[in-house]
PDB file of N, CA and C in Angstrom:
ATOM      1  N   MET A   1      10.754 -44.196  68.922  1.00  0.00           N
ATOM      2  CA  MET A   1      11.236 -43.614  67.693  1.00  0.00           C
ATOM      3  C   MET A   1      11.471 -42.125  67.896  1.00  0.00           C
ATOM      4  N   SER A   2      12.551 -41.627  67.352  1.00  0.00           N
ATOM      5  CA  SER A   2      12.815 -40.200  67.464  1.00  0.00           C
ATOM      6  C   SER A   2      12.270 -39.471  66.246  1.00  0.00           C
ATOM      7  N   SER A   3      12.030 -38.192  66.413  1.00  0.00           N
ATOM      8  CA  SER A   3      11.511 -37.415  65.293  1.00  0.00           C
ATOM      9  C   SER A   3      12.646 -37.028  64.354  1.00  0.00           C
ATOM     10  N   VAL A   4      12.274 -36.672  63.141  1.00  0.00           N
ATOM     11  CA  VAL A   4      13.242 -36.255  62.145  1.00  0.00           C
ATOM     12  C   VAL A   4      13.742 -34.866  62.496  1.00  0.00           C
ATOM     13  N   ALA A   5      15.041 -34.706  62.552  1.00  0.00           N
ATOM     14  CA  ALA A   5      15.637 -33.410  62.882  1.00  0.00           C
ATOM     15  C   ALA A   5      15.507 -32.458  61.699  1.00  0.00           C
ATOM     16  N   GLU A   6      15.440 -31.181  62.004  1.00  0.00           N
ATOM     17  CA  GLU A   6      15.360 -30.153  60.964  1.00  0.00           C
ATOM     18  C   GLU A   6      16.505 -30.330  59.976  1.00  0.00           C
ATOM     19  N   GLY A   7      16.173 -30.455  58.708  1.00  0.00           N
ATOM     20  CA  GLY A   7      17.183 -30.577  57.668  1.00  0.00           C
ATOM     21  C   GLY A   7      17.829 -31.940  57.577  1.00  0.00           C
ATOM     22  N   ASP A   8      17.434 -32.887  58.405  1.00  0.00           N
ATOM     23  CA  ASP A   8      18.056 -34.212  58.421  1.00  0.00           C
ATOM     24  C   ASP A   8      17.255 -35.172  57.562  1.00  0.00           C
ATOM     25  N   LEU A   9      17.334 -35.004  56.246  1.00  0.00           N
ATOM     26  CA  LEU A   9      16.530 -35.823  55.346  1.00  0.00           C
ATOM     27  C   LEU A   9      16.995 -37.270  55.322  1.00  0.00           C
ATOM     28  N   GLU A  10      18.252 -37.531  55.674  1.00  0.00           N
ATOM     29  CA  GLU A  10      18.724 -38.910  55.726  1.00  0.00           C
ATOM     30  C   GLU A  10      17.889 -39.738  56.692  1.00  0.00           C
ATOM     31  N   SER A  11      17.454 -39.125  57.792  1.00  0.00           N
ATOM     32  CA  SER A  11      16.712 -39.882  58.795  1.00  0.00           C
ATOM     33  C   SER A  11      15.272 -40.155  58.380  1.00  0.00           C
ATOM     34  N   ILE A  12      14.791 -39.502  57.330  1.00  0.00           N
ATOM     35  CA  ILE A  12      13.435 -39.786  56.860  1.00  0.00           C
ATOM     36  C   ILE A  12      13.311 -41.252  56.470  1.00  0.00           C
ATOM     37  N   ALA A  13      14.314 -41.763  55.765  1.00  0.00           N
ATOM     38  CA  ALA A  13      14.255 -43.134  55.277  1.00  0.00           C
ATOM     39  C   ALA A  13      14.393 -44.167  56.386  1.00  0.00           C
ATOM     40  N   VAL A  14      14.934 -43.791  57.514  1.00  0.00           N
ATOM     41  CA  VAL A  14      15.221 -44.774  58.554  1.00  0.00           C
ATOM     42  C   VAL A  14      14.488 -44.482  59.851  1.00  0.00           C
ATOM     43  N   ALA A  15      13.381 -43.810  59.780  1.00  0.00           N
ATOM     44  CA  ALA A  15      12.658 -43.435  60.999  1.00  0.00           C
ATOM     45  C   ALA A  15      11.731 -44.539  61.495  1.00  0.00           C
ATOM     46  N   GLY A  16      11.850 -45.731  60.948  1.00  0.00           N
ATOM     47  CA  GLY A  16      11.064 -46.837  61.450  1.00  0.00           C
ATOM     48  C   GLY A  16       9.849 -47.184  60.612  1.00  0.00           C
ATOM     49  N   VAL A  17       9.725 -46.600  59.430  1.00  0.00           N
ATOM     50  CA  VAL A  17       8.611 -46.927  58.542  1.00  0.00           C
ATOM     51  C   VAL A  17       9.146 -47.880  57.477  1.00  0.00           C
ATOM     52  N   SER A  18       8.548 -49.048  57.376  1.00  0.00           N
ATOM     53  CA  SER A  18       9.063 -50.064  56.469  1.00  0.00           C
ATOM     54  C   SER A  18       8.642 -49.831  55.027  1.00  0.00           C
ATOM     55  N   ARG A  19       9.398 -50.418  54.137  1.00  0.00           N
ATOM     56  CA  ARG A  19       9.080 -50.397  52.708  1.00  0.00           C
ATOM     57  C   ARG A  19       7.682 -50.954  52.477  1.00  0.00           C
ATOM     58  N   GLU A  20       7.356 -52.035  53.162  1.00  0.00           N
ATOM     59  CA  GLU A  20       6.049 -52.676  53.006  1.00  0.00           C
ATOM     60  C   GLU A  20       4.916 -51.747  53.432  1.00  0.00           C
ATOM     61  N   TYR A  21       5.124 -51.017  54.517  1.00  0.00           N
ATOM     62  CA  TYR A  21       4.122 -50.051  54.986  1.00  0.00           C
ATOM     63  C   TYR A  21       3.888 -48.989  53.915  1.00  0.00           C
ATOM     64  N   LEU A  22       4.975 -48.429  53.391  1.00  0.00           N
ATOM     65  CA  LEU A  22       4.852 -47.383  52.383  1.00  0.00           C
ATOM     66  C   LEU A  22       4.173 -47.890  51.120  1.00  0.00           C
ATOM     67  N   LEU A  23       4.540 -49.077  50.671  1.00  0.00           N
ATOM     68  CA  LEU A  23       3.917 -49.651  49.471  1.00  0.00           C
ATOM     69  C   LEU A  23       2.437 -49.942  49.701  1.00  0.00           C
ATOM     70  N   HIS A  24       2.113 -50.506  50.842  1.00  0.00           N
ATOM     71  CA  HIS A  24       0.723 -50.845  51.147  1.00  0.00           C
ATOM     72  C   HIS A  24      -0.152 -49.597  51.228  1.00  0.00           C
ATOM     73  N   HIS A  25       0.346 -48.563  51.905  1.00  0.00           N
ATOM     74  CA  HIS A  25      -0.436 -47.341  52.102  1.00  0.00           C
ATOM     75  C   HIS A  25      -0.332 -46.367  50.935  1.00  0.00           C
ATOM     76  N   ARG A  26       0.605 -46.625  50.005  1.00  0.00           N
ATOM     77  CA  ARG A  26       0.792 -45.788  48.809  1.00  0.00           C
ATOM     78  C   ARG A  26       1.198 -44.365  49.175  1.00  0.00           C
ATOM     79  N   VAL A  27       2.117 -44.236  50.119  1.00  0.00           N
ATOM     80  CA  VAL A  27       2.635 -42.947  50.555  1.00  0.00           C
ATOM     81  C   VAL A  27       4.160 -43.036  50.675  1.00  0.00           C
ATOM     82  N   CYS A  28       4.827 -41.876  50.588  1.00  0.00           N
ATOM     83  CA  CYS A  28       6.274 -41.866  50.790  1.00  0.00           C
ATOM     84  C   CYS A  28       6.728 -40.489  51.248  1.00  0.00           C
ATOM     85  N   PRO A  29       7.385 -40.410  52.408  1.00  0.00           N
ATOM     86  CA  PRO A  29       7.972 -39.144  52.831  1.00  0.00           C
ATOM     87  C   PRO A  29       8.948 -38.654  51.766  1.00  0.00           C
ATOM     88  N   ASP A  30       8.894 -37.355  51.479  1.00  0.00           N
ATOM     89  CA  ASP A  30       9.710 -36.809  50.395  1.00  0.00           C
ATOM     90  C   ASP A  30      10.789 -35.877  50.930  1.00  0.00           C
ATOM     91  N   LYS A  31      10.368 -34.735  51.506  1.00  0.00           N
ATOM     92  CA  LYS A  31      11.337 -33.752  51.978  1.00  0.00           C
ATOM     93  C   LYS A  31      10.668 -32.832  52.978  1.00  0.00           C
ATOM     94  N   LEU A  32      11.486 -32.028  53.624  1.00  0.00           N
ATOM     95  CA  LEU A  32      10.972 -31.029  54.558  1.00  0.00           C
ATOM     96  C   LEU A  32      10.768 -29.717  53.815  1.00  0.00           C
ATOM     97  N   ASP A  33       9.675 -29.014  54.126  1.00  0.00           N
ATOM     98  CA  ASP A  33       9.477 -27.692  53.535  1.00  0.00           C
ATOM     99  C   ASP A  33      10.190 -26.653  54.393  1.00  0.00           C
ATOM    100  N   GLY A  34      10.120 -25.405  53.994  1.00  0.00           N
ATOM    101  CA  GLY A  34      10.826 -24.333  54.694  1.00  0.00           C
ATOM    102  C   GLY A  34      10.380 -24.117  56.129  1.00  0.00           C
ATOM    103  N   ASP A  35       9.164 -24.554  56.469  1.00  0.00           N
ATOM    104  CA  ASP A  35       8.642 -24.400  57.828  1.00  0.00           C
ATOM    105  C   ASP A  35       8.851 -25.653  58.676  1.00  0.00           C
ATOM    106  N   GLY A  36       9.528 -26.662  58.119  1.00  0.00           N
ATOM    107  CA  GLY A  36       9.800 -27.880  58.862  1.00  0.00           C
ATOM    108  C   GLY A  36       8.745 -28.962  58.755  1.00  0.00           C
ATOM    109  N   ALA A  37       7.699 -28.733  57.938  1.00  0.00           N
ATOM    110  CA  ALA A  37       6.690 -29.768  57.722  1.00  0.00           C
ATOM    111  C   ALA A  37       7.259 -30.821  56.777  1.00  0.00           C
ATOM    112  N   LEU A  38       6.816 -32.047  56.945  1.00  0.00           N
ATOM    113  CA  LEU A  38       7.249 -33.140  56.086  1.00  0.00           C
ATOM    114  C   LEU A  38       6.295 -33.261  54.909  1.00  0.00           C
ATOM    115  N   ILE A  39       6.828 -33.167  53.706  1.00  0.00           N
ATOM    116  CA  ILE A  39       6.022 -33.340  52.500  1.00  0.00           C
ATOM    117  C   ILE A  39       5.993 -34.830  52.189  1.00  0.00           C
ATOM    118  N   VAL A  40       4.776 -35.355  52.037  1.00  0.00           N
ATOM    119  CA  VAL A  40       4.579 -36.781  51.781  1.00  0.00           C
ATOM    120  C   VAL A  40       3.903 -36.946  50.423  1.00  0.00           C
ATOM    121  N   ALA A  41       4.530 -37.734  49.556  1.00  0.00           N
ATOM    122  CA  ALA A  41       3.938 -38.064  48.264  1.00  0.00           C
ATOM    123  C   ALA A  41       2.839 -39.091  48.490  1.00  0.00           C
ATOM    124  N   VAL A  42       1.703 -38.877  47.842  1.00  0.00           N
ATOM    125  CA  VAL A  42       0.527 -39.733  48.007  1.00  0.00           C
ATOM    126  C   VAL A  42       0.113 -40.236  46.624  1.00  0.00           C
ATOM    127  N   GLY A  43       0.094 -41.548  46.459  1.00  0.00           N
ATOM    128  CA  GLY A  43      -0.269 -42.130  45.174  1.00  0.00           C
ATOM    129  C   GLY A  43      -1.760 -42.384  45.059  1.00  0.00           C
ATOM    130  N   PRO A  44      -2.207 -42.733  43.849  1.00  0.00           N
ATOM    131  CA  PRO A  44      -3.611 -43.067  43.644  1.00  0.00           C
ATOM    132  C   PRO A  44      -4.017 -44.229  44.554  1.00  0.00           C
ATOM    133  N   GLY A  45      -5.169 -44.111  45.176  1.00  0.00           N
ATOM    134  CA  GLY A  45      -5.667 -45.172  46.042  1.00  0.00           C
ATOM    135  C   GLY A  45      -4.973 -45.251  47.387  1.00  0.00           C
ATOM    136  N   ALA A  46      -4.299 -44.187  47.780  1.00  0.00           N
ATOM    137  CA  ALA A  46      -3.564 -44.187  49.053  1.00  0.00           C
ATOM    138  C   ALA A  46      -4.520 -44.352  50.226  1.00  0.00           C
ATOM    139  N   PHE A  47      -4.041 -45.029  51.266  1.00  0.00           N
ATOM    140  CA  PHE A  47      -4.781 -45.155  52.517  1.00  0.00           C
ATOM    141  C   PHE A  47      -4.404 -43.954  53.372  1.00  0.00           C
ATOM    142  N   LEU A  48      -5.296 -42.973  53.414  1.00  0.00           N
ATOM    143  CA  LEU A  48      -4.968 -41.699  54.044  1.00  0.00           C
ATOM    144  C   LEU A  48      -4.884 -41.763  55.562  1.00  0.00           C
ATOM    145  N   GLU A  49      -5.293 -42.889  56.175  1.00  0.00           N
ATOM    146  CA  GLU A  49      -5.084 -43.017  57.614  1.00  0.00           C
ATOM    147  C   GLU A  49      -3.595 -43.062  57.942  1.00  0.00           C
ATOM    148  N   ALA A  50      -2.761 -43.257  56.935  1.00  0.00           N
ATOM    149  CA  ALA A  50      -1.313 -43.254  57.145  1.00  0.00           C
ATOM    150  C   ALA A  50      -0.792 -41.862  57.477  1.00  0.00           C
ATOM    151  N   ILE A  51      -1.501 -40.806  57.079  1.00  0.00           N
ATOM    152  CA  ILE A  51      -0.995 -39.447  57.266  1.00  0.00           C
ATOM    153  C   ILE A  51      -0.833 -39.099  58.748  1.00  0.00           C
ATOM    154  N   PRO A  52      -1.861 -39.274  59.591  1.00  0.00           N
ATOM    155  CA  PRO A  52      -1.632 -38.990  61.016  1.00  0.00           C
ATOM    156  C   PRO A  52      -0.609 -39.936  61.650  1.00  0.00           C
ATOM    157  N   GLU A  53      -0.542 -41.164  61.164  1.00  0.00           N
ATOM    158  CA  GLU A  53       0.462 -42.103  61.683  1.00  0.00           C
ATOM    159  C   GLU A  53       1.872 -41.596  61.359  1.00  0.00           C
ATOM    160  N   LEU A  54       2.070 -41.129  60.123  1.00  0.00           N
ATOM    161  CA  LEU A  54       3.382 -40.603  59.745  1.00  0.00           C
ATOM    162  C   LEU A  54       3.717 -39.344  60.542  1.00  0.00           C
ATOM    163  N   SER A  55       2.722 -38.518  60.796  1.00  0.00           N
ATOM    164  CA  SER A  55       2.938 -37.324  61.610  1.00  0.00           C
ATOM    165  C   SER A  55       3.454 -37.714  62.992  1.00  0.00           C
ATOM    166  N   ASP A  56       2.866 -38.760  63.564  1.00  0.00           N
ATOM    167  CA  ASP A  56       3.316 -39.244  64.876  1.00  0.00           C
ATOM    168  C   ASP A  56       4.738 -39.796  64.815  1.00  0.00           C
ATOM    169  N   VAL A  57       5.030 -40.613  63.803  1.00  0.00           N
ATOM    170  CA  VAL A  57       6.344 -41.244  63.675  1.00  0.00           C
ATOM    171  C   VAL A  57       7.436 -40.204  63.503  1.00  0.00           C
ATOM    172  N   TYR A  58       7.198 -39.238  62.636  1.00  0.00           N
ATOM    173  CA  TYR A  58       8.219 -38.252  62.310  1.00  0.00           C
ATOM    174  C   TYR A  58       8.185 -37.021  63.215  1.00  0.00           C
ATOM    175  N   GLY A  59       7.119 -36.879  64.003  1.00  0.00           N
ATOM    176  CA  GLY A  59       7.031 -35.743  64.899  1.00  0.00           C
ATOM    177  C   GLY A  59       6.907 -34.419  64.166  1.00  0.00           C
ATOM    178  N   ARG A  60       6.218 -34.438  63.031  1.00  0.00           N
ATOM    179  CA  ARG A  60       6.091 -33.245  62.197  1.00  0.00           C
ATOM    180  C   ARG A  60       4.693 -33.131  61.619  1.00  0.00           C
ATOM    181  N   ARG A  61       4.333 -31.901  61.278  1.00  0.00           N
ATOM    182  CA  ARG A  61       3.113 -31.655  60.513  1.00  0.00           C
ATOM    183  C   ARG A  61       3.355 -32.209  59.108  1.00  0.00           C
ATOM    184  N   ILE A  62       2.315 -32.752  58.491  1.00  0.00           N
ATOM    185  CA  ILE A  62       2.432 -33.367  57.174  1.00  0.00           C
ATOM    186  C   ILE A  62       1.711 -32.515  56.132  1.00  0.00           C
ATOM    187  N   ILE A  63       2.368 -32.349  55.005  1.00  0.00           N
ATOM    188  CA  ILE A  63       1.749 -31.754  53.816  1.00  0.00           C
ATOM    189  C   ILE A  63       1.783 -32.841  52.746  1.00  0.00           C
ATOM    190  N   THR A  64       0.643 -33.099  52.105  1.00  0.00           N
ATOM    191  CA  THR A  64       0.616 -34.133  51.070  1.00  0.00           C
ATOM    192  C   THR A  64       0.722 -33.501  49.687  1.00  0.00           C
ATOM    193  N   ARG A  65       1.280 -34.284  48.775  1.00  0.00           N
ATOM    194  CA  ARG A  65       1.295 -33.915  47.363  1.00  0.00           C
ATOM    195  C   ARG A  65       1.002 -35.165  46.554  1.00  0.00           C
ATOM    196  N   GLU A  66       0.306 -34.989  45.445  1.00  0.00           N
ATOM    197  CA  GLU A  66      -0.035 -36.131  44.608  1.00  0.00           C
ATOM    198  C   GLU A  66       1.193 -36.621  43.853  1.00  0.00           C
ATOM    199  N   ALA A  67       1.231 -37.934  43.645  1.00  0.00           N
ATOM    200  CA  ALA A  67       2.314 -38.548  42.880  1.00  0.00           C
ATOM    201  C   ALA A  67       1.734 -39.654  42.012  1.00  0.00           C
ATOM    202  N   LEU A  68       2.325 -39.860  40.865  1.00  0.00           N
ATOM    203  CA  LEU A  68       1.941 -40.975  40.000  1.00  0.00           C
ATOM    204  C   LEU A  68       2.486 -42.273  40.591  1.00  0.00           C
ATOM    205  N   ASP A  69       1.833 -43.397  40.287  1.00  0.00           N
ATOM    206  CA  ASP A  69       2.253 -44.689  40.826  1.00  0.00           C
ATOM    207  C   ASP A  69       3.730 -44.981  40.576  1.00  0.00           C
ATOM    208  N   ASP A  70       4.177 -44.801  39.336  1.00  0.00           N
ATOM    209  CA  ASP A  70       5.575 -45.114  39.011  1.00  0.00           C
ATOM    210  C   ASP A  70       6.541 -44.248  39.812  1.00  0.00           C
ATOM    211  N   ASP A  71       6.232 -42.952  39.916  1.00  0.00           N
ATOM    212  CA  ASP A  71       7.090 -42.047  40.679  1.00  0.00           C
ATOM    213  C   ASP A  71       7.123 -42.437  42.151  1.00  0.00           C
ATOM    214  N   LEU A  72       5.954 -42.763  42.694  1.00  0.00           N
ATOM    215  CA  LEU A  72       5.867 -43.145  44.096  1.00  0.00           C
ATOM    216  C   LEU A  72       6.693 -44.399  44.369  1.00  0.00           C
ATOM    217  N   GLU A  73       6.566 -45.391  43.516  1.00  0.00           N
ATOM    218  CA  GLU A  73       7.324 -46.634  43.722  1.00  0.00           C
ATOM    219  C   GLU A  73       8.823 -46.395  43.642  1.00  0.00           C
ATOM    220  N   ARG A  74       9.261 -45.544  42.722  1.00  0.00           N
ATOM    221  CA  ARG A  74      10.693 -45.213  42.644  1.00  0.00           C
ATOM    222  C   ARG A  74      11.156 -44.503  43.915  1.00  0.00           C
ATOM    223  N   MET A  75      10.332 -43.589  44.427  1.00  0.00           N
ATOM    224  CA  MET A  75      10.680 -42.880  45.662  1.00  0.00           C
ATOM    225  C   MET A  75      10.799 -43.844  46.835  1.00  0.00           C
ATOM    226  N   ILE A  76       9.848 -44.777  46.927  1.00  0.00           N
ATOM    227  CA  ILE A  76       9.870 -45.738  48.033  1.00  0.00           C
ATOM    228  C   ILE A  76      11.124 -46.605  47.942  1.00  0.00           C
ATOM    229  N   GLU A  77      11.424 -47.089  46.748  1.00  0.00           N
ATOM    230  CA  GLU A  77      12.621 -47.924  46.591  1.00  0.00           C
ATOM    231  C   GLU A  77      13.882 -47.146  46.945  1.00  0.00           C
ATOM    232  N   ALA A  78      13.972 -45.900  46.493  1.00  0.00           N
ATOM    233  CA  ALA A  78      15.161 -45.085  46.777  1.00  0.00           C
ATOM    234  C   ALA A  78      15.295 -44.783  48.263  1.00  0.00           C
ATOM    235  N   SER A  79      14.169 -44.572  48.939  1.00  0.00           N
ATOM    236  CA  SER A  79      14.245 -44.188  50.358  1.00  0.00           C
ATOM    237  C   SER A  79      14.433 -45.368  51.286  1.00  0.00           C
ATOM    238  N   THR A  80      14.180 -46.585  50.807  1.00  0.00           N
ATOM    239  CA  THR A  80      14.290 -47.749  51.682  1.00  0.00           C
ATOM    240  C   THR A  80      15.418 -48.688  51.305  1.00  0.00           C
ATOM    241  N   THR A  81      16.154 -48.356  50.261  1.00  0.00           N
ATOM    242  CA  THR A  81      17.280 -49.187  49.842  1.00  0.00           C
ATOM    243  C   THR A  81      18.493 -48.830  50.671  1.00  0.00           C
ATOM    244  N   THR A  82      19.143 -49.842  51.211  1.00  0.00           N
ATOM    245  CA  THR A  82      20.358 -49.593  51.976  1.00  0.00           C
ATOM    246  C   THR A  82      21.539 -49.610  51.019  1.00  0.00           C
ATOM    247  N   HIS A  83      22.461 -48.717  51.249  1.00  0.00           N
ATOM    248  CA  HIS A  83      23.635 -48.602  50.367  1.00  0.00           C
ATOM    249  C   HIS A  83      24.846 -49.155  51.053  1.00  0.00           C
TER     250      HIS A  83
END
């Protein structure tokens, strides 16, 4: 798997993390911050062991932010839906 390129948010959704993984772990990559870290939305009851795994997959430092369940599920659906 290749890492997410700077500013290449399109590749966040297709970096090899499945919808099922995101739903199960209650996490969703959101966007890159100004320093190139990946901001990951974390829902209630999230399995935080996913954070170092996502760091490895995306090749980036991770910053977490809290998200409500409904918001997280909408983000996951939007990021994993093929158009």
